[in-house]
Amino acid sequence: MAPINSKRTLRRDLWLAAGLLGVGALVAIISFTEIKAGHLDHMAQATPEPSATPAESKPGGTRPTTPAPEPARPDTSAVQEGAKPALPPAPAEKVAPPMEKK
């Protein structure tokens, strides 16, 4: 087996490193030229001149003919009674005895 630090191995590694560096530089140059060439066909778009009159309106659908709904207002009797519970009271077997104070 040849020694690791031989001149042949060093020369081969240097040529491999130089080749990889050259390929990387070539890829970078090609990418850069494509980026520069891609921006040549784009043109800036100017904003249109402001007009003195507004644009013509176009029908965009049907508008509701009825007035908008108003929020619900409870009856005075309901306000006096107060809020009713949403659920009925629990059955007696599900109710626990009151907790003792410590």
C-alpha atoms as a PDB file:
ATOM      1  CA  MET A   1       0.000   0.000   0.000  1.00  0.00           C
ATOM      2  CA  ALA A   2       1.330   3.445  -0.908  1.00  0.00           C
ATOM      3  CA  PRO A   3       1.992   5.996   1.812  1.00  0.00           C
ATOM      4  CA  ILE A   4      -0.779   8.527   2.381  1.00  0.00           C
ATOM      5  CA  ASN A   5       1.462  11.588   1.953  1.00  0.00           C
ATOM      6  CA  SER A   6       2.902  10.617  -1.402  1.00  0.00           C
ATOM      7  CA  LYS A   7       3.340  13.231  -4.121  1.00  0.00           C
ATOM      8  CA  ARG A   8       0.974  11.388  -6.441  1.00  0.00           C
ATOM      9  CA  THR A   9      -1.882  11.499  -3.918  1.00  0.00           C
ATOM     10  CA  LEU A  10      -1.255  15.159  -3.170  1.00  0.00           C
ATOM     11  CA  ARG A  11      -1.169  16.053  -6.864  1.00  0.00           C
ATOM     12  CA  ARG A  12      -4.366  14.102  -7.524  1.00  0.00           C
ATOM     13  CA  ASP A  13      -6.172  15.793  -4.626  1.00  0.00           C
ATOM     14  CA  LEU A  14      -5.056  19.243  -5.767  1.00  0.00           C
ATOM     15  CA  TRP A  15      -6.248  18.586  -9.335  1.00  0.00           C
ATOM     16  CA  LEU A  16      -9.582  17.316  -7.990  1.00  0.00           C
ATOM     17  CA  ALA A  17      -9.978  20.398  -5.786  1.00  0.00           C
ATOM     18  CA  ALA A  18      -9.085  22.721  -8.664  1.00  0.00           C
ATOM     19  CA  GLY A  19     -11.550  20.953 -10.948  1.00  0.00           C
ATOM     20  CA  LEU A  20     -14.359  21.190  -8.425  1.00  0.00           C
ATOM     21  CA  LEU A  21     -13.576  24.859  -7.869  1.00  0.00           C
ATOM     22  CA  GLY A  22     -13.629  25.476 -11.623  1.00  0.00           C
ATOM     23  CA  VAL A  23     -16.955  23.670 -12.043  1.00  0.00           C
ATOM     24  CA  GLY A  24     -18.440  25.701  -9.188  1.00  0.00           C
ATOM     25  CA  ALA A  25     -17.220  28.954 -10.732  1.00  0.00           C
ATOM     26  CA  LEU A  26     -18.628  27.911 -14.120  1.00  0.00           C
ATOM     27  CA  VAL A  27     -22.053  27.165 -12.608  1.00  0.00           C
ATOM     28  CA  ALA A  28     -22.019  30.517 -10.799  1.00  0.00           C
ATOM     29  CA  ILE A  29     -21.132  32.403 -13.994  1.00  0.00           C
ATOM     30  CA  ILE A  30     -23.848  30.644 -16.009  1.00  0.00           C
ATOM     31  CA  SER A  31     -26.423  31.360 -13.309  1.00  0.00           C
ATOM     32  CA  PHE A  32     -25.411  35.003 -13.133  1.00  0.00           C
ATOM     33  CA  THR A  33     -25.684  35.462 -16.905  1.00  0.00           C
ATOM     34  CA  GLU A  34     -29.143  33.855 -16.931  1.00  0.00           C
ATOM     35  CA  ILE A  35     -30.294  36.140 -14.133  1.00  0.00           C
ATOM     36  CA  LYS A  36     -29.007  39.203 -15.970  1.00  0.00           C
ATOM     37  CA  ALA A  37     -30.546  38.061 -19.271  1.00  0.00           C
ATOM     38  CA  GLY A  38     -33.903  37.356 -17.620  1.00  0.00           C
ATOM     39  CA  HIS A  39     -34.353  40.980 -16.567  1.00  0.00           C
ATOM     40  CA  LEU A  40     -33.830  42.393 -20.056  1.00  0.00           C
ATOM     41  CA  ASP A  41     -37.263  41.451 -21.368  1.00  0.00           C
ATOM     42  CA  HIS A  42     -39.167  43.091 -18.501  1.00  0.00           C
ATOM     43  CA  MET A  43     -40.380  46.650 -18.884  1.00  0.00           C
ATOM     44  CA  ALA A  44     -41.594  48.957 -16.171  1.00  0.00           C
ATOM     45  CA  GLN A  45     -45.301  49.684 -16.284  1.00  0.00           C
ATOM     46  CA  ALA A  46     -46.305  53.281 -15.754  1.00  0.00           C
ATOM     47  CA  THR A  47     -49.425  54.183 -13.826  1.00  0.00           C
ATOM     48  CA  PRO A  48     -52.321  55.499 -15.916  1.00  0.00           C
ATOM     49  CA  GLU A  49     -52.968  59.221 -15.932  1.00  0.00           C
ATOM     50  CA  PRO A  50     -55.640  60.311 -13.469  1.00  0.00           C
ATOM     51  CA  SER A  51     -58.924  61.172 -15.147  1.00  0.00           C
ATOM     52  CA  ALA A  52     -61.152  64.098 -14.261  1.00  0.00           C
ATOM     53  CA  THR A  53     -64.322  61.989 -14.176  1.00  0.00           C
ATOM     54  CA  PRO A  54     -64.946  58.796 -12.240  1.00  0.00           C
ATOM     55  CA  ALA A  55     -65.086  55.487 -14.032  1.00  0.00           C
ATOM     56  CA  GLU A  56     -68.368  54.234 -15.411  1.00  0.00           C
ATOM     57  CA  SER A  57     -70.187  51.980 -12.978  1.00  0.00           C
ATOM     58  CA  LYS A  58     -70.942  48.437 -14.017  1.00  0.00           C
ATOM     59  CA  PRO A  59     -73.719  46.308 -12.573  1.00  0.00           C
ATOM     60  CA  GLY A  60     -72.172  43.810 -10.211  1.00  0.00           C
ATOM     61  CA  GLY A  61     -75.187  41.884  -9.029  1.00  0.00           C
ATOM     62  CA  THR A  62     -78.435  42.468  -7.224  1.00  0.00           C
ATOM     63  CA  ARG A  63     -78.616  44.592  -4.129  1.00  0.00           C
ATOM     64  CA  PRO A  64     -81.015  43.673  -1.367  1.00  0.00           C
ATOM     65  CA  THR A  65     -84.207  45.695  -1.554  1.00  0.00           C
ATOM     66  CA  THR A  66     -85.263  45.057   2.027  1.00  0.00           C
ATOM     67  CA  PRO A  67     -83.752  47.129   4.821  1.00  0.00           C
ATOM     68  CA  ALA A  68     -80.900  45.633   6.766  1.00  0.00           C
ATOM     69  CA  PRO A  69     -81.913  43.461   9.739  1.00  0.00           C
ATOM     70  CA  GLU A  70     -81.851  45.152  13.115  1.00  0.00           C
ATOM     71  CA  PRO A  71     -80.617  43.595  16.356  1.00  0.00           C
ATOM     72  CA  ALA A  72     -83.223  41.762  18.414  1.00  0.00           C
ATOM     73  CA  ARG A  73     -84.740  43.628  21.344  1.00  0.00           C
ATOM     74  CA  PRO A  74     -86.242  41.506  24.131  1.00  0.00           C
ATOM     75  CA  ASP A  75     -89.718  42.129  25.505  1.00  0.00           C
ATOM     76  CA  THR A  76     -90.022  44.066  28.751  1.00  0.00           C
ATOM     77  CA  SER A  77     -91.488  41.009  30.487  1.00  0.00           C
ATOM     78  CA  ALA A  78     -88.467  38.916  29.481  1.00  0.00           C
ATOM     79  CA  VAL A  79     -86.133  41.574  30.838  1.00  0.00           C
ATOM     80  CA  GLN A  80     -87.984  41.588  34.176  1.00  0.00           C
ATOM     81  CA  GLU A  81     -87.958  37.778  34.487  1.00  0.00           C
ATOM     82  CA  GLY A  82     -84.229  37.539  33.882  1.00  0.00           C
ATOM     83  CA  ALA A  83     -82.286  34.887  32.013  1.00  0.00           C
ATOM     84  CA  LYS A  84     -83.653  31.369  32.169  1.00  0.00           C
ATOM     85  CA  PRO A  85     -81.220  28.458  32.581  1.00  0.00           C
ATOM     86  CA  ALA A  86     -80.291  26.747  29.338  1.00  0.00           C
ATOM     87  CA  LEU A  87     -80.560  23.262  30.877  1.00  0.00           C
ATOM     88  CA  PRO A  88     -83.110  21.840  33.284  1.00  0.00           C
ATOM     89  CA  PRO A  89     -81.965  21.224  36.868  1.00  0.00           C
ATOM     90  CA  ALA A  90     -79.948  18.067  37.474  1.00  0.00           C
ATOM     91  CA  PRO A  91     -81.712  14.989  38.887  1.00  0.00           C
ATOM     92  CA  ALA A  92     -81.443  14.418  42.641  1.00  0.00           C
ATOM     93  CA  GLU A  93     -79.058  11.448  42.355  1.00  0.00           C
ATOM     94  CA  LYS A  94     -76.535  13.583  40.427  1.00  0.00           C
ATOM     95  CA  VAL A  95     -76.465  16.413  42.970  1.00  0.00           C
ATOM     96  CA  ALA A  96     -73.679  16.220  45.565  1.00  0.00           C
ATOM     97  CA  PRO A  97     -74.125  17.253  49.183  1.00  0.00           C
ATOM     98  CA  PRO A  98     -72.873  20.744  50.016  1.00  0.00           C
ATOM     99  CA  MET A  99     -69.168  21.062  50.835  1.00  0.00           C
ATOM    100  CA  GLU A 100     -68.178  21.533  54.444  1.00  0.00           C
ATOM    101  CA  LYS A 101     -66.232  24.638  55.350  1.00  0.00           C
ATOM    102  CA  LYS A 102     -62.795  24.075  56.864  1.00  0.00           C
END
